[in-house]
């Protein structure tokens, strides 16, 4: 792999990360907010319930 290919590969990884990370961060913040309101145990129980339905 030459320098141009490595640079393109790095740029594509950076782009994917930049597109992906904000979505994950938003989801994390939403879950944390629900945990503060309803408690970690209740949110975890709901998550487990939903996961079993899939």
C-alpha atoms as a PDB file:
ATOM      1  CA  UNK A   1       0.000   0.000   0.000  1.00  0.00           C
ATOM      2  CA  UNK A   2       1.557   3.292  -1.040  1.00  0.00           C
ATOM      3  CA  UNK A   3       1.318   6.608   0.772  1.00  0.00           C
ATOM      4  CA  UNK A   4      -1.691   7.816  -1.229  1.00  0.00           C
ATOM      5  CA  UNK A   5      -3.635   4.651  -0.480  1.00  0.00           C
ATOM      6  CA  UNK A   6      -2.795   4.897   3.218  1.00  0.00           C
ATOM      7  CA  UNK A   7      -3.912   8.525   3.283  1.00  0.00           C
ATOM      8  CA  UNK A   8      -7.189   7.672   1.546  1.00  0.00           C
ATOM      9  CA  UNK A   9      -7.746   4.756   3.910  1.00  0.00           C
ATOM     10  CA  UNK A  10      -7.153   6.987   6.942  1.00  0.00           C
ATOM     11  CA  UNK A  11      -9.480   9.656   5.555  1.00  0.00           C
ATOM     12  CA  UNK A  12     -12.254   7.097   5.022  1.00  0.00           C
ATOM     13  CA  UNK A  13     -11.863   5.758   8.563  1.00  0.00           C
ATOM     14  CA  UNK A  14     -11.980   9.293   9.953  1.00  0.00           C
ATOM     15  CA  UNK A  15     -15.095  10.071   7.951  1.00  0.00           C
ATOM     16  CA  UNK A  16     -16.831   6.907   9.151  1.00  0.00           C
ATOM     17  CA  UNK A  17     -15.940   7.742  12.751  1.00  0.00           C
ATOM     18  CA  UNK A  18     -17.143  11.328  12.424  1.00  0.00           C
ATOM     19  CA  UNK A  19     -20.460  10.121  10.980  1.00  0.00           C
ATOM     20  CA  UNK A  20     -20.924   7.355  13.562  1.00  0.00           C
ATOM     21  CA  UNK A  21     -19.788   8.917  16.844  1.00  0.00           C
ATOM     22  CA  UNK A  22     -22.402  11.705  17.192  1.00  0.00           C
ATOM     23  CA  UNK A  23     -25.224   9.160  16.832  1.00  0.00           C
ATOM     24  CA  UNK A  24     -23.708   6.942  19.511  1.00  0.00           C
ATOM     25  CA  UNK A  25     -23.126   9.924  21.804  1.00  0.00           C
ATOM     26  CA  UNK A  26     -26.746  11.084  21.425  1.00  0.00           C
ATOM     27  CA  UNK A  27     -28.019   7.613  22.239  1.00  0.00           C
ATOM     28  CA  UNK A  28     -25.750   7.385  25.261  1.00  0.00           C
ATOM     29  CA  UNK A  29     -26.950  10.736  26.582  1.00  0.00           C
ATOM     30  CA  UNK A  30     -30.589   9.729  26.128  1.00  0.00           C
ATOM     31  CA  UNK A  31     -30.065   6.508  28.052  1.00  0.00           C
ATOM     32  CA  UNK A  32     -28.248   8.346  30.850  1.00  0.00           C
ATOM     33  CA  UNK A  33     -31.091  10.853  31.092  1.00  0.00           C
ATOM     34  CA  UNK A  34     -33.626   8.043  31.380  1.00  0.00           C
ATOM     35  CA  UNK A  35     -31.450   6.397  34.044  1.00  0.00           C
ATOM     36  CA  UNK A  36     -31.468   9.612  36.083  1.00  0.00           C
ATOM     37  CA  UNK A  37     -35.248   9.881  35.809  1.00  0.00           C
ATOM     38  CA  UNK A  38     -36.267   6.235  36.293  1.00  0.00           C
ATOM     39  CA  UNK A  39     -33.187   4.577  37.796  1.00  0.00           C
ATOM     40  CA  UNK A  40     -30.564   2.343  36.219  1.00  0.00           C
ATOM     41  CA  UNK A  41     -32.259  -0.893  37.248  1.00  0.00           C
ATOM     42  CA  UNK A  42     -35.557  -0.039  35.575  1.00  0.00           C
ATOM     43  CA  UNK A  43     -33.916   1.113  32.348  1.00  0.00           C
ATOM     44  CA  UNK A  44     -31.744  -2.016  32.247  1.00  0.00           C
ATOM     45  CA  UNK A  45     -34.806  -4.201  32.803  1.00  0.00           C
ATOM     46  CA  UNK A  46     -36.625  -2.474  29.936  1.00  0.00           C
ATOM     47  CA  UNK A  47     -33.587  -2.843  27.693  1.00  0.00           C
ATOM     48  CA  UNK A  48     -33.374  -6.569  28.500  1.00  0.00           C
ATOM     49  CA  UNK A  49     -37.107  -6.969  27.844  1.00  0.00           C
ATOM     50  CA  UNK A  50     -36.823  -5.301  24.432  1.00  0.00           C
ATOM     51  CA  UNK A  51     -33.705  -7.309  23.554  1.00  0.00           C
ATOM     52  CA  UNK A  52     -35.548 -10.568  24.292  1.00  0.00           C
ATOM     53  CA  UNK A  53     -38.322  -9.526  21.892  1.00  0.00           C
ATOM     54  CA  UNK A  54     -35.926  -9.162  18.965  1.00  0.00           C
END
